[in-house]
Protein backbone atom coordinates (compact mmCIF):
# COMPACT_ATOMS: atom_id res chain seq x y z
CA MET A 1 37.47 71.92 -52.18
CA GLY A 2 34.63 69.83 -50.66
CA VAL A 3 34.52 66.13 -50.80
CA VAL A 4 31.87 63.82 -51.99
CA ILE A 5 31.99 60.23 -50.87
CA VAL A 6 30.25 58.02 -53.44
CA THR A 7 29.81 54.21 -52.67
CA GLY A 8 29.66 51.87 -55.42
CA SER A 9 31.22 54.59 -57.39
CA CYS A 10 31.99 52.37 -60.48
CA GLY A 11 28.41 51.14 -60.91
CA LEU A 12 25.84 53.01 -63.10
CA ILE A 13 24.65 55.60 -60.59
CA GLY A 14 27.95 55.89 -58.72
CA PHE A 15 29.81 56.49 -61.94
CA GLU A 16 27.34 59.22 -62.98
CA SER A 17 27.36 60.72 -59.59
CA SER A 18 31.13 60.86 -59.57
CA SER A 19 31.44 62.43 -62.98
CA HIS A 20 28.61 64.98 -62.26
CA PHE A 21 29.82 66.30 -59.02
CA ALA A 22 33.42 66.32 -59.98
CA GLY A 23 32.22 68.56 -62.84
CA ASN A 24 30.92 70.93 -60.17
CA GLY A 25 34.43 71.29 -58.71
CA LEU A 26 34.07 68.74 -55.82
CA GLU A 27 36.67 66.00 -54.86
CA ILE A 28 35.26 62.57 -55.34
CA VAL A 29 36.27 59.80 -53.07
CA GLY A 30 34.85 56.56 -54.66
CA ILE A 31 34.41 53.31 -52.75
CA ASP A 32 34.01 50.28 -54.92
CA ASN A 33 35.38 46.72 -54.73
CA ASP A 34 33.73 45.37 -58.03
CA MET A 35 31.38 43.03 -56.26
CA ARG A 36 29.19 43.24 -59.36
CA ALA A 37 31.62 40.74 -60.97
CA THR A 38 30.98 38.37 -58.09
CA PHE A 39 27.22 38.74 -58.43
CA PHE A 40 26.83 38.50 -62.14
CA GLY A 41 30.16 37.25 -63.62
CA PRO A 42 33.23 38.94 -65.29
CA GLU A 43 30.96 40.54 -68.13
CA ALA A 44 29.38 42.63 -65.36
CA SER A 45 32.62 43.92 -63.90
CA THR A 46 32.94 47.62 -63.06
CA GLY A 47 36.60 47.40 -63.78
CA PRO A 48 36.35 49.28 -67.06
CA SER A 49 34.12 51.89 -65.39
CA ARG A 50 36.90 52.53 -62.68
CA GLU A 51 39.40 52.99 -65.56
CA ARG A 52 37.31 55.49 -67.24
CA LEU A 53 36.58 57.34 -64.14
CA GLU A 54 40.40 57.59 -63.20
CA ARG A 55 41.16 58.54 -66.70
CA ARG A 56 38.45 61.29 -66.96
CA LEU A 57 38.50 62.83 -63.60
CA GLY A 58 42.37 62.53 -62.80
CA ASP A 59 43.24 64.00 -59.48
CA ALA A 60 39.60 64.96 -58.77
CA TYR A 61 38.93 61.21 -58.15
CA THR A 62 40.40 58.97 -55.33
CA HIS A 63 39.59 55.22 -55.64
CA VAL A 64 39.31 53.25 -52.48
CA ASP A 65 38.97 49.46 -52.98
CA MET A 66 36.92 48.74 -49.95
CA ASP A 67 33.85 46.49 -48.88
CA ILE A 68 31.33 48.72 -47.15
CA ARG A 69 30.84 45.61 -44.79
CA ASP A 70 34.19 46.61 -43.47
CA ARG A 71 32.95 48.84 -40.53
CA GLN A 72 36.38 49.96 -39.26
CA GLY A 73 37.61 50.63 -42.83
CA VAL A 74 34.54 52.88 -43.51
CA LEU A 75 34.76 54.62 -40.10
CA GLY A 76 38.46 55.22 -40.73
CA LEU A 77 37.89 56.62 -44.15
CA PHE A 78 35.27 59.09 -43.10
CA ALA A 79 37.38 60.05 -40.05
CA ARG A 80 40.21 60.85 -42.58
CA TYR A 81 38.15 63.47 -44.31
CA GLY A 82 35.87 64.49 -41.62
CA GLN A 83 34.10 67.91 -42.03
CA GLU A 84 35.44 68.26 -45.63
CA ILE A 85 32.63 65.72 -46.58
CA GLU A 86 29.79 67.73 -48.09
CA LEU A 87 27.82 64.93 -49.77
CA VAL A 88 27.52 61.17 -49.46
CA VAL A 89 25.96 59.26 -52.27
CA HIS A 90 25.25 55.77 -51.06
CA THR A 91 24.66 53.50 -54.18
CA ALA A 92 26.65 50.40 -53.23
CA ALA A 93 24.26 47.40 -52.94
CA GLN A 94 23.58 43.75 -53.86
CA PRO A 95 20.77 44.37 -56.45
CA SER A 96 19.39 40.91 -57.38
CA HIS A 97 16.30 39.10 -56.06
CA ASP A 98 17.74 35.71 -57.21
CA TRP A 99 21.21 36.23 -55.81
CA ALA A 100 19.69 37.34 -52.42
CA ALA A 101 17.69 34.20 -52.03
CA ARG A 102 20.97 32.17 -52.70
CA GLU A 103 23.12 33.98 -50.21
CA PRO A 104 20.76 36.03 -47.84
CA PHE A 105 23.62 36.58 -45.27
CA THR A 106 25.72 38.36 -47.89
CA ASP A 107 22.74 40.27 -49.17
CA PHE A 108 21.59 41.61 -45.91
CA ASP A 109 25.17 42.43 -44.73
CA ILE A 110 25.75 44.48 -47.67
CA ASN A 111 22.39 46.21 -48.13
CA ALA A 112 21.33 46.80 -44.58
CA VAL A 113 24.49 46.44 -42.34
CA GLY A 114 26.68 48.17 -45.00
CA THR A 115 24.17 51.01 -45.11
CA LEU A 116 24.32 51.26 -41.29
CA ASN A 117 28.05 51.54 -41.49
CA VAL A 118 27.98 54.33 -44.00
CA LEU A 119 25.26 56.26 -42.05
CA GLU A 120 27.08 55.91 -38.54
CA ALA A 121 30.43 56.97 -40.22
CA THR A 122 28.55 60.13 -41.63
CA ARG A 123 27.00 60.88 -38.29
CA LEU A 124 30.19 60.61 -36.35
CA HIS A 125 32.44 62.41 -38.74
CA ALA A 126 30.49 64.46 -41.13
CA PRO A 127 27.14 65.28 -39.56
CA GLU A 128 26.50 68.31 -41.77
CA ALA A 129 26.85 66.47 -44.84
CA VAL A 130 23.89 65.63 -47.08
CA PHE A 131 23.24 62.03 -47.45
CA ILE A 132 21.50 60.45 -50.57
CA PHE A 133 20.49 56.78 -50.72
CA THR A 134 19.43 54.90 -53.73
CA SER A 135 16.55 52.57 -52.61
CA THR A 136 14.19 50.74 -54.84
CA ASN A 137 10.53 50.36 -55.59
CA LYS A 138 10.89 46.81 -54.19
CA VAL A 139 10.35 48.22 -50.73
CA TYR A 140 6.71 48.08 -51.66
CA GLY A 141 6.78 44.28 -52.11
CA ASP A 142 4.23 42.79 -54.35
CA THR A 143 1.48 45.16 -53.21
CA PRO A 144 1.38 46.72 -56.72
CA ASN A 145 0.29 43.28 -58.00
CA ALA A 146 -3.06 43.63 -56.18
CA LEU A 147 -4.02 46.65 -58.20
CA PRO A 148 -6.84 46.39 -60.78
CA TYR A 149 -5.32 45.85 -64.03
CA VAL A 150 -6.60 45.63 -67.60
CA GLU A 151 -4.77 43.44 -70.09
CA LEU A 152 -4.05 45.11 -73.37
CA ASP A 153 -2.28 43.88 -76.60
CA GLN A 154 1.23 44.48 -75.42
CA ARG A 155 0.96 45.54 -71.81
CA TRP A 156 -0.92 45.48 -68.48
CA GLU A 157 -2.44 48.85 -67.59
CA LEU A 158 -4.15 50.16 -64.48
CA GLU A 159 -7.77 50.48 -64.55
CA PRO A 160 -8.90 53.97 -65.75
CA GLY A 161 -9.64 56.48 -62.89
CA HIS A 162 -7.68 54.65 -60.20
CA ARG A 163 -5.87 56.78 -57.73
CA TYR A 164 -2.61 55.53 -59.05
CA GLU A 165 -3.41 55.78 -62.72
CA GLY A 166 -0.75 58.64 -62.91
CA GLY A 167 1.80 56.50 -61.13
CA ILE A 168 2.40 55.00 -57.63
CA ASP A 169 3.34 57.62 -54.94
CA GLU A 170 4.74 57.20 -51.51
CA SER A 171 1.40 56.65 -49.82
CA MET A 172 1.44 52.91 -50.75
CA SER A 173 2.17 50.75 -47.75
CA ILE A 174 5.24 48.58 -47.41
CA ASP A 175 3.66 46.32 -45.04
CA ALA A 176 1.78 42.96 -45.39
CA SER A 177 3.52 42.04 -48.79
CA LEU A 178 5.89 39.70 -50.30
CA HIS A 179 9.28 41.61 -50.72
CA SER A 180 11.85 39.00 -51.67
CA LEU A 181 14.85 38.92 -49.44
CA PHE A 182 16.46 41.57 -51.55
CA GLY A 183 13.51 43.83 -51.05
CA ALA A 184 13.52 43.03 -47.30
CA SER A 185 17.26 44.17 -47.02
CA LYS A 186 16.51 47.31 -48.90
CA VAL A 187 13.51 48.01 -46.72
CA ALA A 188 15.90 47.82 -43.80
CA ALA A 189 18.39 50.21 -45.44
CA ASP A 190 15.66 52.63 -46.64
CA VAL A 191 14.13 52.97 -42.91
CA LEU A 192 17.71 53.47 -41.47
CA VAL A 193 18.28 56.42 -43.72
CA GLN A 194 14.98 57.84 -42.75
CA GLU A 195 15.62 57.24 -39.09
CA TYR A 196 19.07 58.92 -39.20
CA GLY A 197 17.25 61.91 -40.44
CA ARG A 198 14.47 61.87 -37.83
CA TYR A 199 16.41 60.84 -34.89
CA PHE A 200 19.87 62.46 -35.57
CA GLY A 201 18.83 65.33 -37.93
CA LEU A 202 20.92 64.04 -40.73
CA ARG A 203 19.94 65.77 -44.05
CA SER A 204 19.04 62.56 -45.81
CA ALA A 205 16.90 61.53 -48.73
CA VAL A 206 15.68 58.06 -49.95
CA PHE A 207 15.27 57.78 -53.62
CA ARG A 208 13.05 54.79 -54.45
CA GLY A 209 13.88 54.06 -58.10
CA GLY A 210 12.19 52.04 -60.86
CA THR A 211 14.36 50.91 -63.56
CA LEU A 212 17.67 52.96 -63.35
CA THR A 213 19.55 52.91 -66.57
CA GLY A 214 22.01 54.74 -68.81
CA PRO A 215 24.95 54.23 -71.28
CA ASN A 216 27.35 53.13 -68.69
CA HIS A 217 25.21 50.21 -67.34
CA ALA A 218 26.94 46.89 -67.08
CA ALA A 219 23.81 45.15 -68.00
CA ALA A 220 23.16 41.58 -66.72
CA GLU A 221 20.25 39.12 -66.89
CA LEU A 222 19.46 39.51 -63.26
CA HIS A 223 19.82 43.24 -63.04
CA GLY A 224 19.37 45.98 -65.68
CA PHE A 225 16.24 45.16 -67.78
CA LEU A 226 16.32 47.75 -70.45
CA ALA A 227 20.06 47.77 -71.02
CA TYR A 228 20.11 43.99 -71.00
CA VAL A 229 17.54 43.88 -73.80
CA VAL A 230 19.65 46.29 -75.93
CA ARG A 231 22.62 44.14 -75.07
CA CYS A 232 21.03 40.87 -75.99
CA ALA A 233 19.94 42.35 -79.42
CA MET A 234 23.38 43.73 -80.35
CA THR A 235 25.20 40.54 -79.18
CA HIS A 236 22.78 38.01 -80.83
CA THR A 237 22.08 36.58 -77.16
CA PRO A 238 18.84 34.79 -76.69
CA TYR A 239 16.55 36.72 -74.12
CA THR A 240 14.09 35.18 -71.70
CA VAL A 241 10.92 36.91 -70.59
CA PHE A 242 10.02 35.85 -67.09
CA GLY A 243 6.18 35.56 -66.73
CA TYR A 244 3.18 37.79 -67.24
CA GLY A 245 3.23 37.11 -71.02
CA GLY A 246 5.86 39.86 -71.38
CA LYS A 247 3.27 42.38 -70.59
CA GLN A 248 4.81 43.58 -67.39
CA VAL A 249 5.41 47.33 -67.32
CA ARG A 250 8.47 49.15 -65.95
CA ASP A 251 9.23 52.84 -65.84
CA ALA A 252 12.94 53.74 -66.77
CA ILE A 253 14.77 56.84 -65.68
CA HIS A 254 18.10 57.79 -67.31
CA SER A 255 21.02 58.21 -65.03
CA THR A 256 21.56 61.76 -66.03
CA ASP A 257 17.87 62.68 -64.95
CA LEU A 258 18.41 60.81 -61.65
CA ILE A 259 21.70 62.63 -60.86
CA ASN A 260 20.15 66.02 -61.76
CA ALA A 261 17.64 65.18 -58.99
CA PHE A 262 20.46 64.31 -56.64
CA ASP A 263 21.98 67.80 -57.47
CA GLU A 264 18.63 69.61 -56.69
CA PHE A 265 18.37 67.85 -53.29
CA PHE A 266 22.09 68.49 -52.51
CA ARG A 267 21.79 72.22 -53.20
CA THR A 268 18.67 72.63 -51.02
CA PRO A 269 18.54 69.58 -48.79
CA ARG A 270 15.69 68.49 -46.51
CA VAL A 271 15.60 66.07 -43.61
CA ALA A 272 14.41 62.37 -43.77
CA GLU A 273 12.74 62.74 -47.22
CA VAL A 274 11.31 59.85 -49.16
CA TYR A 275 10.74 60.17 -52.91
CA ASN A 276 9.44 57.73 -55.56
CA ILE A 277 11.68 58.56 -58.62
CA GLY A 278 11.65 56.95 -61.96
CA GLY A 279 10.51 57.36 -65.60
CA GLY A 280 6.83 57.72 -64.41
CA ARG A 281 4.23 58.29 -67.13
CA PHE A 282 7.03 60.16 -69.21
CA SER A 283 9.12 57.02 -69.68
CA ASN A 284 7.72 53.65 -69.40
CA VAL A 285 7.55 50.40 -71.33
CA SER A 286 6.45 46.72 -71.28
CA VAL A 287 8.86 43.94 -71.92
CA LEU A 288 7.09 43.20 -75.31
CA GLU A 289 7.18 46.77 -76.13
CA ALA A 290 10.79 47.09 -75.30
CA ILE A 291 11.81 44.16 -77.46
CA GLU A 292 9.82 45.66 -80.34
CA LEU A 293 11.54 49.05 -79.83
CA VAL A 294 14.90 47.55 -79.45
CA GLN A 295 14.69 45.53 -82.75
CA GLU A 296 13.65 48.78 -84.42
CA VAL A 297 16.63 50.78 -82.86
CA THR A 298 19.34 48.21 -83.52
CA GLY A 299 18.12 46.87 -86.76
CA GLU A 300 18.55 43.27 -85.17
CA ALA A 301 15.86 40.51 -84.99
CA MET A 302 15.98 39.16 -81.37
CA SER A 303 15.73 35.66 -80.31
CA TRP A 304 13.44 35.47 -77.30
CA THR A 305 11.11 33.12 -75.47
CA VAL A 306 8.65 33.36 -72.68
CA SER A 307 9.04 31.41 -69.49
CA GLY A 308 5.64 30.85 -67.88
CA GLU A 309 6.94 31.49 -64.36
CA ALA A 310 7.31 34.92 -63.12
CA ARG A 311 10.12 35.84 -60.72
CA ARG A 312 8.68 35.67 -57.10
CA GLY A 313 7.31 38.92 -55.95
CA ASP A 314 8.08 40.54 -59.34
CA HIS A 315 5.87 43.43 -60.37
CA ILE A 316 3.27 43.14 -63.04
CA TRP A 317 3.16 46.86 -63.35
CA TRP A 318 5.22 49.59 -61.97
CA ILE A 319 5.11 53.35 -63.03
CA GLY A 320 6.01 55.57 -60.07
CA ASP A 321 4.66 59.12 -59.43
CA ASN A 322 7.47 61.62 -59.23
CA GLY A 323 5.04 64.35 -58.00
CA ARG A 324 6.39 64.76 -54.43
CA PHE A 325 9.85 65.49 -55.68
CA ALA A 326 8.71 67.63 -58.43
CA THR A 327 6.64 69.66 -55.96
CA HIS A 328 9.66 70.09 -53.81
CA TYR A 329 12.11 70.84 -56.60
CA PRO A 330 10.08 72.36 -59.46
CA GLY A 331 13.26 73.23 -61.32
CA TRP A 332 13.82 69.51 -62.09
CA SER A 333 12.55 67.81 -65.20
CA GLN A 334 13.29 64.67 -67.19
CA GLU A 335 14.90 64.64 -70.58
CA TYR A 336 15.19 61.09 -71.47
CA ASP A 337 12.22 58.80 -72.38
CA VAL A 338 12.37 55.14 -73.28
CA PRO A 339 13.18 55.44 -77.04
CA ALA A 340 15.76 58.06 -76.30
CA ILE A 341 17.43 55.78 -73.68
CA ALA A 342 17.39 52.71 -76.06
CA THR A 343 18.91 54.67 -78.90
CA GLU A 344 21.68 56.00 -76.62
CA LEU A 345 22.38 52.60 -75.32
CA PHE A 346 22.69 51.38 -78.73
CA GLU A 347 24.77 54.25 -80.27
CA LEU A 348 27.31 54.36 -77.26
CA ASN A 349 27.93 50.59 -77.10
CA ARG A 350 28.47 49.72 -80.68
CA GLU A 351 32.12 49.00 -80.04
CA HIS A 352 31.36 46.91 -76.75
CA TRP A 353 28.22 44.92 -77.30
CA VAL A 354 29.05 42.85 -80.46
CA PRO A 355 28.19 39.30 -81.60
CA ARG A 356 30.49 36.95 -80.01
CA SER A 357 31.20 35.25 -83.30
CA SER A 358 32.44 38.41 -84.82
């Protein structure tokens, strides 16, 4: 039985990757030390996800409580499984702009150096394995904010006829822009994954995601926009919109659609590929539109306010173009749009996201 190493195995994408590839008959070795609780507090802990994974997958899942900054630990783990490793799905990360600015050493050590540890362990002990990395659209910095936008009632939109009207593709430069420290550490990791493909021939892919979401998201204010809006509505928690009048636009991709893309790449891998991957024109929403939609889905009136100050480097508008990936893998398609995602988040979290007073 082949082995899949999943870092951040109890986070949203790690959890779904573990479940999916175990369902394909592979053995999962999950690395996760619940740093999400450190980043965002006990409510964001991935502990419950670990329990569900162990219960659902049984002997097909081996949990390793390890920090990817532990170089010798990572190298030793990969040496133990060696050529049995067929796939590495690297999702472990520090995901917050705000947190990175408070603790830049920790952010860089996890996102950049941790990625180097996992890459080098793969090269040394499982060089034939496929390597998938969850990067971010934040590698483009604030360059998207310089595009020509038109202000509509509930959203900003790109000027009609612009080359990126259908979505931003991989041709956008990552240079000469404000990235945030989080964005910079992810750029370093992103380029490392590409370099291990080009220099060493590792069959690697960088997936630059927009808003990644799904029913197992441990949503927090600083990370997990759409799931957090749903959670605030269901728990009667006041929601703060940061800047741009709430008209900033995000595309959202369901974890199932993303993992299906991973599966396509795993089955027919390439070397040093870079893909923008997200909801695209099929699945996107502004913050104001999301609040309105979530109120309809949940039947709850939200309490929300607008802060005039946007988060530094935050995007006014992000809709990615999935065209490159779709061209390489024409069998892949998206199932979930924003209304479907919001409805599923609501339906599957009824027992968990309840008003604190109840």
